[in-house]
């Protein structure tokens, strides 16, 4: 039962990743800007999903805590440490 739940969660998050990737590609084609955090999040989502797909020793339920960590962690790091802020 947990294996099926893991695959269901994996499938849902794959669709979310595809929608993020579609948004980035659409933004590039219409020459609209997008944030670095969305790009890095999408790349990390693809890496995590690929890692869990090809390595059967990993339990897919770990994706439940990895995706929010990537989603909020990357946004926090980009916005607080990698954006130039003026002293105005």
PDB file of N, CA and C in Angstrom:
ATOM      1  N   UNK A   1       0.818  -1.199   0.000  1.00  0.00           N
ATOM      2  CA  UNK A   1       0.000   0.000   0.000  1.00  0.00           C
ATOM      3  C   UNK A   1       0.867   1.269   0.000  1.00  0.00           C
ATOM      4  N   UNK A   2       1.935   1.257   0.792  1.00  0.00           N
ATOM      5  CA  UNK A   2       2.812   2.431   0.831  1.00  0.00           C
ATOM      6  C   UNK A   2       3.562   2.623  -0.481  1.00  0.00           C
ATOM      7  N   UNK A   3       3.833   1.522  -1.186  1.00  0.00           N
ATOM      8  CA  UNK A   3       4.501   1.642  -2.487  1.00  0.00           C
ATOM      9  C   UNK A   3       3.583   2.355  -3.472  1.00  0.00           C
ATOM     10  N   UNK A   4       2.314   2.014  -3.447  1.00  0.00           N
ATOM     11  CA  UNK A   4       1.348   2.669  -4.337  1.00  0.00           C
ATOM     12  C   UNK A   4       1.215   4.146  -3.973  1.00  0.00           C
ATOM     13  N   UNK A   5       1.155   4.443  -2.684  1.00  0.00           N
ATOM     14  CA  UNK A   5       1.074   5.836  -2.242  1.00  0.00           C
ATOM     15  C   UNK A   5       2.316   6.615  -2.687  1.00  0.00           C
ATOM     16  N   UNK A   6       3.482   5.983  -2.595  1.00  0.00           N
ATOM     17  CA  UNK A   6       4.714   6.627  -3.045  1.00  0.00           C
ATOM     18  C   UNK A   6       4.675   6.956  -4.527  1.00  0.00           C
ATOM     19  N   UNK A   7       4.176   6.035  -5.334  1.00  0.00           N
ATOM     20  CA  UNK A   7       4.088   6.285  -6.778  1.00  0.00           C
ATOM     21  C   UNK A   7       3.045   7.346  -7.105  1.00  0.00           C
ATOM     22  N   UNK A   8       1.955   7.395  -6.349  1.00  0.00           N
ATOM     23  CA  UNK A   8       0.939   8.435  -6.570  1.00  0.00           C
ATOM     24  C   UNK A   8       1.533   9.807  -6.271  1.00  0.00           C
ATOM     25  N   UNK A   9       2.227   9.931  -5.151  1.00  0.00           N
ATOM     26  CA  UNK A   9       2.877  11.200  -4.795  1.00  0.00           C
ATOM     27  C   UNK A   9       3.938  11.558  -5.829  1.00  0.00           C
ATOM     28  N   UNK A  10       4.708  10.564  -6.264  1.00  0.00           N
ATOM     29  CA  UNK A  10       5.729  10.778  -7.288  1.00  0.00           C
ATOM     30  C   UNK A  10       5.088  11.316  -8.576  1.00  0.00           C
ATOM     31  N   UNK A  11       3.959  10.744  -8.976  1.00  0.00           N
ATOM     32  CA  UNK A  11       3.284  11.174 -10.200  1.00  0.00           C
ATOM     33  C   UNK A  11       2.756  12.597 -10.087  1.00  0.00           C
ATOM     34  N   UNK A  12       2.176  12.925  -8.945  1.00  0.00           N
ATOM     35  CA  UNK A  12       1.659  14.283  -8.742  1.00  0.00           C
ATOM     36  C   UNK A  12       2.791  15.302  -8.793  1.00  0.00           C
ATOM     37  N   UNK A  13       3.894  15.000  -8.142  1.00  0.00           N
ATOM     38  CA  UNK A  13       5.012  15.944  -8.136  1.00  0.00           C
ATOM     39  C   UNK A  13       5.711  16.007  -9.483  1.00  0.00           C
ATOM     40  N   UNK A  14       5.634  14.935 -10.266  1.00  0.00           N
ATOM     41  CA  UNK A  14       6.150  14.990 -11.634  1.00  0.00           C
ATOM     42  C   UNK A  14       5.321  15.963 -12.464  1.00  0.00           C
ATOM     43  N   UNK A  15       4.004  15.936 -12.297  1.00  0.00           N
ATOM     44  CA  UNK A  15       3.152  16.883 -13.016  1.00  0.00           C
ATOM     45  C   UNK A  15       3.423  18.327 -12.588  1.00  0.00           C
ATOM     46  N   UNK A  16       3.669  18.534 -11.301  1.00  0.00           N
ATOM     47  CA  UNK A  16       4.005  19.876 -10.814  1.00  0.00           C
ATOM     48  C   UNK A  16       5.322  20.346 -11.428  1.00  0.00           C
ATOM     49  N   UNK A  17       6.303  19.457 -11.496  1.00  0.00           N
ATOM     50  CA  UNK A  17       7.591  19.807 -12.093  1.00  0.00           C
ATOM     51  C   UNK A  17       7.444  20.122 -13.569  1.00  0.00           C
ATOM     52  N   UNK A  18       6.637  19.352 -14.273  1.00  0.00           N
ATOM     53  CA  UNK A  18       6.406  19.622 -15.693  1.00  0.00           C
ATOM     54  C   UNK A  18       5.735  20.982 -15.873  1.00  0.00           C
ATOM     55  N   UNK A  19       4.813  21.342 -14.979  1.00  0.00           N
ATOM     56  CA  UNK A  19       4.173  22.655 -15.100  1.00  0.00           C
ATOM     57  C   UNK A  19       5.163  23.790 -14.830  1.00  0.00           C
ATOM     58  N   UNK A  20       6.083  23.600 -13.859  1.00  0.00           N
ATOM     59  CA  UNK A  20       7.133  24.600 -13.628  1.00  0.00           C
ATOM     60  C   UNK A  20       7.996  24.744 -14.879  1.00  0.00           C
ATOM     61  N   UNK A  21       8.388  23.617 -15.477  1.00  0.00           N
ATOM     62  CA  UNK A  21       9.233  23.642 -16.670  1.00  0.00           C
ATOM     63  C   UNK A  21       8.507  24.294 -17.838  1.00  0.00           C
ATOM     64  N   UNK A  22       7.231  24.010 -17.983  1.00  0.00           N
ATOM     65  CA  UNK A  22       6.433  24.637 -19.043  1.00  0.00           C
ATOM     66  C   UNK A  22       6.369  26.155 -18.854  1.00  0.00           C
ATOM     67  N   UNK A  23       6.206  26.593 -17.616  1.00  0.00           N
ATOM     68  CA  UNK A  23       6.171  28.025 -17.344  1.00  0.00           C
ATOM     69  C   UNK A  23       7.475  28.719 -17.695  1.00  0.00           C
ATOM     70  N   UNK A  24       8.598  28.052 -17.393  1.00  0.00           N
ATOM     71  CA  UNK A  24       9.904  28.631 -17.726  1.00  0.00           C
ATOM     72  C   UNK A  24      10.073  28.715 -19.244  1.00  0.00           C
ATOM     73  N   UNK A  25       9.740  27.639 -19.941  1.00  0.00           N
ATOM     74  CA  UNK A  25       9.892  27.633 -21.401  1.00  0.00           C
ATOM     75  C   UNK A  25       8.975  28.675 -22.037  1.00  0.00           C
ATOM     76  N   UNK A  26       7.747  28.776 -21.536  1.00  0.00           N
ATOM     77  CA  UNK A  26       6.814  29.776 -22.071  1.00  0.00           C
ATOM     78  C   UNK A  26       7.333  31.186 -21.823  1.00  0.00           C
ATOM     79  N   UNK A  27       7.905  31.435 -20.649  1.00  0.00           N
ATOM     80  CA  UNK A  27       8.462  32.753 -20.349  1.00  0.00           C
ATOM     81  C   UNK A  27       9.630  33.092 -21.263  1.00  0.00           C
ATOM     82  N   UNK A  28      10.443  32.101 -21.566  1.00  0.00           N
ATOM     83  CA  UNK A  28      11.579  32.327 -22.466  1.00  0.00           C
ATOM     84  C   UNK A  28      11.087  32.649 -23.875  1.00  0.00           C
ATOM     85  N   UNK A  29      10.075  31.909 -24.340  1.00  0.00           N
ATOM     86  CA  UNK A  29       9.596  32.109 -25.709  1.00  0.00           C
ATOM     87  C   UNK A  29       8.932  33.461 -25.914  1.00  0.00           C
ATOM     88  N   UNK A  30       8.231  33.967 -24.900  1.00  0.00           N
ATOM     89  CA  UNK A  30       7.591  35.282 -25.062  1.00  0.00           C
ATOM     90  C   UNK A  30       8.463  36.410 -24.506  1.00  0.00           C
ATOM     91  N   UNK A  31       9.707  36.058 -24.174  1.00  0.00           N
ATOM     92  CA  UNK A  31      10.696  37.023 -23.678  1.00  0.00           C
ATOM     93  C   UNK A  31      10.220  37.744 -22.425  1.00  0.00           C
ATOM     94  N   UNK A  32       9.625  36.990 -21.523  1.00  0.00           N
ATOM     95  CA  UNK A  32       9.185  37.509 -20.238  1.00  0.00           C
ATOM     96  C   UNK A  32      10.178  37.018 -19.184  1.00  0.00           C
ATOM     97  N   UNK A  33      10.452  37.832 -18.200  1.00  0.00           N
ATOM     98  CA  UNK A  33      11.439  37.444 -17.194  1.00  0.00           C
ATOM     99  C   UNK A  33      10.840  36.484 -16.173  1.00  0.00           C
ATOM    100  N   UNK A  34      11.710  35.700 -15.568  1.00  0.00           N
ATOM    101  CA  UNK A  34      11.325  34.817 -14.475  1.00  0.00           C
ATOM    102  C   UNK A  34      12.460  34.828 -13.461  1.00  0.00           C
ATOM    103  N   UNK A  35      12.182  34.388 -12.251  1.00  0.00           N
ATOM    104  CA  UNK A  35      13.171  34.481 -11.191  1.00  0.00           C
ATOM    105  C   UNK A  35      14.136  33.302 -11.226  1.00  0.00           C
ATOM    106  N   UNK A  36      15.322  33.537 -10.673  1.00  0.00           N
ATOM    107  CA  UNK A  36      16.307  32.470 -10.583  1.00  0.00           C
ATOM    108  C   UNK A  36      15.833  31.354  -9.664  1.00  0.00           C
ATOM    109  N   UNK A  37      15.051  31.708  -8.658  1.00  0.00           N
ATOM    110  CA  UNK A  37      14.608  30.676  -7.719  1.00  0.00           C
ATOM    111  C   UNK A  37      13.711  29.649  -8.410  1.00  0.00           C
ATOM    112  N   UNK A  38      12.859  30.087  -9.332  1.00  0.00           N
ATOM    113  CA  UNK A  38      12.012  29.136 -10.061  1.00  0.00           C
ATOM    114  C   UNK A  38      12.864  28.222 -10.924  1.00  0.00           C
ATOM    115  N   UNK A  39      13.885  28.763 -11.557  1.00  0.00           N
ATOM    116  CA  UNK A  39      14.777  27.964 -12.390  1.00  0.00           C
ATOM    117  C   UNK A  39      15.533  26.934 -11.556  1.00  0.00           C
ATOM    118  N   UNK A  40      16.093  27.360 -10.445  1.00  0.00           N
ATOM    119  CA  UNK A  40      16.853  26.443  -9.591  1.00  0.00           C
ATOM    120  C   UNK A  40      15.933  25.402  -8.960  1.00  0.00           C
ATOM    121  N   UNK A  41      14.740  25.806  -8.545  1.00  0.00           N
ATOM    122  CA  UNK A  41      13.784  24.847  -7.992  1.00  0.00           C
ATOM    123  C   UNK A  41      13.432  23.779  -9.020  1.00  0.00           C
ATOM    124  N   UNK A  42      13.182  24.194 -10.244  1.00  0.00           N
ATOM    125  CA  UNK A  42      12.815  23.235 -11.285  1.00  0.00           C
ATOM    126  C   UNK A  42      13.953  22.274 -11.578  1.00  0.00           C
ATOM    127  N   UNK A  43      15.165  22.779 -11.639  1.00  0.00           N
ATOM    128  CA  UNK A  43      16.320  21.910 -11.873  1.00  0.00           C
ATOM    129  C   UNK A  43      16.472  20.905 -10.734  1.00  0.00           C
ATOM    130  N   UNK A  44      16.337  21.367  -9.496  1.00  0.00           N
ATOM    131  CA  UNK A  44      16.447  20.450  -8.353  1.00  0.00           C
ATOM    132  C   UNK A  44      15.300  19.453  -8.309  1.00  0.00           C
ATOM    133  N   UNK A  45      14.088  19.872  -8.689  1.00  0.00           N
ATOM    134  CA  UNK A  45      12.962  18.940  -8.751  1.00  0.00           C
ATOM    135  C   UNK A  45      13.250  17.831  -9.764  1.00  0.00           C
ATOM    136  N   UNK A  46      13.777  18.207 -10.930  1.00  0.00           N
ATOM    137  CA  UNK A  46      14.103  17.219 -11.960  1.00  0.00           C
ATOM    138  C   UNK A  46      15.179  16.263 -11.467  1.00  0.00           C
ATOM    139  N   UNK A  47      16.190  16.789 -10.781  1.00  0.00           N
ATOM    140  CA  UNK A  47      17.259  15.941 -10.242  1.00  0.00           C
ATOM    141  C   UNK A  47      16.700  14.957  -9.216  1.00  0.00           C
ATOM    142  N   UNK A  48      15.862  15.440  -8.295  1.00  0.00           N
ATOM    143  CA  UNK A  48      15.301  14.568  -7.253  1.00  0.00           C
ATOM    144  C   UNK A  48      14.391  13.514  -7.868  1.00  0.00           C
ATOM    145  N   UNK A  49      13.529  13.905  -8.804  1.00  0.00           N
ATOM    146  CA  UNK A  49      12.631  12.941  -9.428  1.00  0.00           C
ATOM    147  C   UNK A  49      13.403  11.894 -10.219  1.00  0.00           C
ATOM    148  N   UNK A  50      14.447  12.308 -10.914  1.00  0.00           N
ATOM    149  CA  UNK A  50      15.270  11.355 -11.658  1.00  0.00           C
ATOM    150  C   UNK A  50      15.995  10.406 -10.715  1.00  0.00           C
ATOM    151  N   UNK A  51      16.503  10.934  -9.625  1.00  0.00           N
ATOM    152  CA  UNK A  51      17.202  10.106  -8.641  1.00  0.00           C
ATOM    153  C   UNK A  51      16.255   9.057  -8.041  1.00  0.00           C
ATOM    154  N   UNK A  52      15.048   9.459  -7.699  1.00  0.00           N
ATOM    155  CA  UNK A  52      14.096   8.516  -7.115  1.00  0.00           C
ATOM    156  C   UNK A  52      13.565   7.521  -8.144  1.00  0.00           C
ATOM    157  N   UNK A  53      13.528   7.906  -9.409  1.00  0.00           N
ATOM    158  CA  UNK A  53      13.036   6.989 -10.438  1.00  0.00           C
ATOM    159  C   UNK A  53      14.031   5.867 -10.711  1.00  0.00           C
ATOM    160  N   UNK A  54      15.312   6.216 -10.811  1.00  0.00           N
ATOM    161  CA  UNK A  54      16.310   5.226 -11.186  1.00  0.00           C
ATOM    162  C   UNK A  54      16.884   4.447 -10.008  1.00  0.00           C
ATOM    163  N   UNK A  55      16.743   4.939  -8.790  1.00  0.00           N
ATOM    164  CA  UNK A  55      17.263   4.243  -7.619  1.00  0.00           C
ATOM    165  C   UNK A  55      16.086   3.647  -6.843  1.00  0.00           C
ATOM    166  N   UNK A  56      15.879   2.344  -6.994  1.00  0.00           N
ATOM    167  CA  UNK A  56      14.726   1.698  -6.355  1.00  0.00           C
ATOM    168  C   UNK A  56      14.930   1.477  -4.866  1.00  0.00           C
ATOM    169  N   UNK A  57      16.131   1.690  -4.348  1.00  0.00           N
ATOM    170  CA  UNK A  57      16.376   1.519  -2.921  1.00  0.00           C
ATOM    171  C   UNK A  57      15.826   2.679  -2.101  1.00  0.00           C
ATOM    172  N   UNK A  58      15.571   3.809  -2.743  1.00  0.00           N
ATOM    173  CA  UNK A  58      15.040   4.977  -2.036  1.00  0.00           C
ATOM    174  C   UNK A  58      13.522   4.888  -1.956  1.00  0.00           C
ATOM    175  N   UNK A  59      12.983   5.157  -0.793  1.00  0.00           N
ATOM    176  CA  UNK A  59      11.540   5.160  -0.616  1.00  0.00           C
ATOM    177  C   UNK A  59      10.974   6.469  -1.171  1.00  0.00           C
ATOM    178  N   UNK A  60      10.003   6.362  -2.047  1.00  0.00           N
ATOM    179  CA  UNK A  60       9.453   7.551  -2.694  1.00  0.00           C
ATOM    180  C   UNK A  60       8.689   8.457  -1.729  1.00  0.00           C
ATOM    181  N   UNK A  61       8.373   7.972  -0.548  1.00  0.00           N
ATOM    182  CA  UNK A  61       7.692   8.818   0.427  1.00  0.00           C
ATOM    183  C   UNK A  61       8.612   9.918   0.975  1.00  0.00           C
ATOM    184  N   UNK A  62       9.914   9.771   0.779  1.00  0.00           N
ATOM    185  CA  UNK A  62      10.839  10.833   1.199  1.00  0.00           C
ATOM    186  C   UNK A  62      10.652  12.101   0.367  1.00  0.00           C
ATOM    187  N   UNK A  63       9.995  11.965  -0.769  1.00  0.00           N
ATOM    188  CA  UNK A  63       9.729  13.136  -1.604  1.00  0.00           C
ATOM    189  C   UNK A  63       8.815  14.117  -0.866  1.00  0.00           C
ATOM    190  N   UNK A  64       8.011  13.592   0.062  1.00  0.00           N
ATOM    191  CA  UNK A  64       7.073  14.447   0.805  1.00  0.00           C
ATOM    192  C   UNK A  64       7.804  15.548   1.560  1.00  0.00           C
ATOM    193  N   UNK A  65       8.982  15.282   2.102  1.00  0.00           N
ATOM    194  CA  UNK A  65       9.713  16.327   2.815  1.00  0.00           C
ATOM    195  C   UNK A  65      10.768  16.991   1.935  1.00  0.00           C
ATOM    196  N   UNK A  66      11.210  16.319   0.863  1.00  0.00           N
ATOM    197  CA  UNK A  66      12.222  16.930  -0.002  1.00  0.00           C
ATOM    198  C   UNK A  66      11.656  18.069  -0.849  1.00  0.00           C
ATOM    199  N   UNK A  67      10.459  17.901  -1.381  1.00  0.00           N
ATOM    200  CA  UNK A  67       9.909  18.941  -2.250  1.00  0.00           C
ATOM    201  C   UNK A  67       9.644  20.248  -1.510  1.00  0.00           C
ATOM    202  N   UNK A  68       8.993  20.227  -0.332  1.00  0.00           N
ATOM    203  CA  UNK A  68       8.842  21.511   0.381  1.00  0.00           C
ATOM    204  C   UNK A  68      10.181  22.120   0.798  1.00  0.00           C
ATOM    205  N   UNK A  69      11.142  21.266   1.143  1.00  0.00           N
ATOM    206  CA  UNK A  69      12.464  21.772   1.495  1.00  0.00           C
ATOM    207  C   UNK A  69      13.093  22.505   0.319  1.00  0.00           C
ATOM    208  N   UNK A  70      13.012  21.925  -0.861  1.00  0.00           N
ATOM    209  CA  UNK A  70      13.557  22.578  -2.055  1.00  0.00           C
ATOM    210  C   UNK A  70      12.761  23.840  -2.370  1.00  0.00           C
ATOM    211  N   UNK A  71      11.435  23.731  -2.316  1.00  0.00           N
ATOM    212  CA  UNK A  71      10.580  24.851  -2.694  1.00  0.00           C
ATOM    213  C   UNK A  71      10.833  26.080  -1.826  1.00  0.00           C
ATOM    214  N   UNK A  72      10.820  25.899  -0.516  1.00  0.00           N
ATOM    215  CA  UNK A  72      10.990  27.045   0.385  1.00  0.00           C
ATOM    216  C   UNK A  72      12.456  27.350   0.668  1.00  0.00           C
ATOM    217  N   UNK A  73      13.303  26.330   0.686  1.00  0.00           N
ATOM    218  CA  UNK A  73      14.724  26.533   0.956  1.00  0.00           C
ATOM    219  C   UNK A  73      15.420  27.340  -0.122  1.00  0.00           C
ATOM    220  N   UNK A  74      15.148  27.018  -1.377  1.00  0.00           N
ATOM    221  CA  UNK A  74      15.769  27.760  -2.480  1.00  0.00           C
ATOM    222  C   UNK A  74      15.278  29.200  -2.498  1.00  0.00           C
ATOM    223  N   UNK A  75      13.982  29.392  -2.302  1.00  0.00           N
ATOM    224  CA  UNK A  75      13.453  30.763  -2.277  1.00  0.00           C
ATOM    225  C   UNK A  75      14.086  31.569  -1.147  1.00  0.00           C
ATOM    226  N   UNK A  76      14.225  30.953   0.025  1.00  0.00           N
ATOM    227  CA  UNK A  76      14.830  31.638   1.155  1.00  0.00           C
ATOM    228  C   UNK A  76      16.288  31.996   0.866  1.00  0.00           C
ATOM    229  N   UNK A  77      17.052  31.034   0.348  1.00  0.00           N
ATOM    230  CA  UNK A  77      18.468  31.288   0.071  1.00  0.00           C
ATOM    231  C   UNK A  77      18.665  32.354  -0.995  1.00  0.00           C
ATOM    232  N   UNK A  78      17.906  32.275  -2.069  1.00  0.00           N
ATOM    233  CA  UNK A  78      18.046  33.249  -3.151  1.00  0.00           C
ATOM    234  C   UNK A  78      17.668  34.646  -2.665  1.00  0.00           C
ATOM    235  N   UNK A  79      16.552  34.751  -1.981  1.00  0.00           N
ATOM    236  CA  UNK A  79      16.064  36.070  -1.579  1.00  0.00           C
ATOM    237  C   UNK A  79      16.875  36.695  -0.451  1.00  0.00           C
ATOM    238  N   UNK A  80      17.492  35.899   0.400  1.00  0.00           N
ATOM    239  CA  UNK A  80      18.193  36.457   1.552  1.00  0.00           C
ATOM    240  C   UNK A  80      19.705  36.542   1.398  1.00  0.00           C
ATOM    241  N   UNK A  81      20.284  35.750   0.518  1.00  0.00           N
ATOM    242  CA  UNK A  81      21.737  35.720   0.454  1.00  0.00           C
ATOM    243  C   UNK A  81      22.314  36.059  -0.911  1.00  0.00           C
ATOM    244  N   UNK A  82      21.569  35.866  -1.973  1.00  0.00           N
ATOM    245  CA  UNK A  82      22.147  36.027  -3.303  1.00  0.00           C
ATOM    246  C   UNK A  82      21.605  37.194  -4.106  1.00  0.00           C
ATOM    247  N   UNK A  83      20.751  37.992  -3.511  1.00  0.00           N
ATOM    248  CA  UNK A  83      20.240  39.172  -4.205  1.00  0.00           C
ATOM    249  C   UNK A  83      20.954  40.388  -3.637  1.00  0.00           C
ATOM    250  N   UNK A  84      21.484  41.224  -4.536  1.00  0.00           N
ATOM    251  CA  UNK A  84      22.159  42.425  -4.086  1.00  0.00           C
ATOM    252  C   UNK A  84      21.143  43.391  -3.476  1.00  0.00           C
ATOM    253  N   UNK A  85      21.427  43.802  -2.264  1.00  0.00           N
ATOM    254  CA  UNK A  85      20.535  44.732  -1.570  1.00  0.00           C
ATOM    255  C   UNK A  85      21.302  46.028  -1.312  1.00  0.00           C
ATOM    256  N   UNK A  86      20.639  47.106  -1.591  1.00  0.00           N
ATOM    257  CA  UNK A  86      21.291  48.398  -1.346  1.00  0.00           C
ATOM    258  C   UNK A  86      21.023  48.838   0.085  1.00  0.00           C
ATOM    259  N   UNK A  87      21.850  49.725   0.579  1.00  0.00           N
ATOM    260  CA  UNK A  87      21.717  50.230   1.936  1.00  0.00           C
ATOM    261  C   UNK A  87      20.919  51.522   1.964  1.00  0.00           C
ATOM    262  N   UNK A  88      19.844  51.556   1.268  1.00  0.00           N
ATOM    263  CA  UNK A  88      19.039  52.782   1.183  1.00  0.00           C
ATOM    264  C   UNK A  88      18.111  52.868   2.354  1.00  0.00           C
TER     265      UNK A  88
END
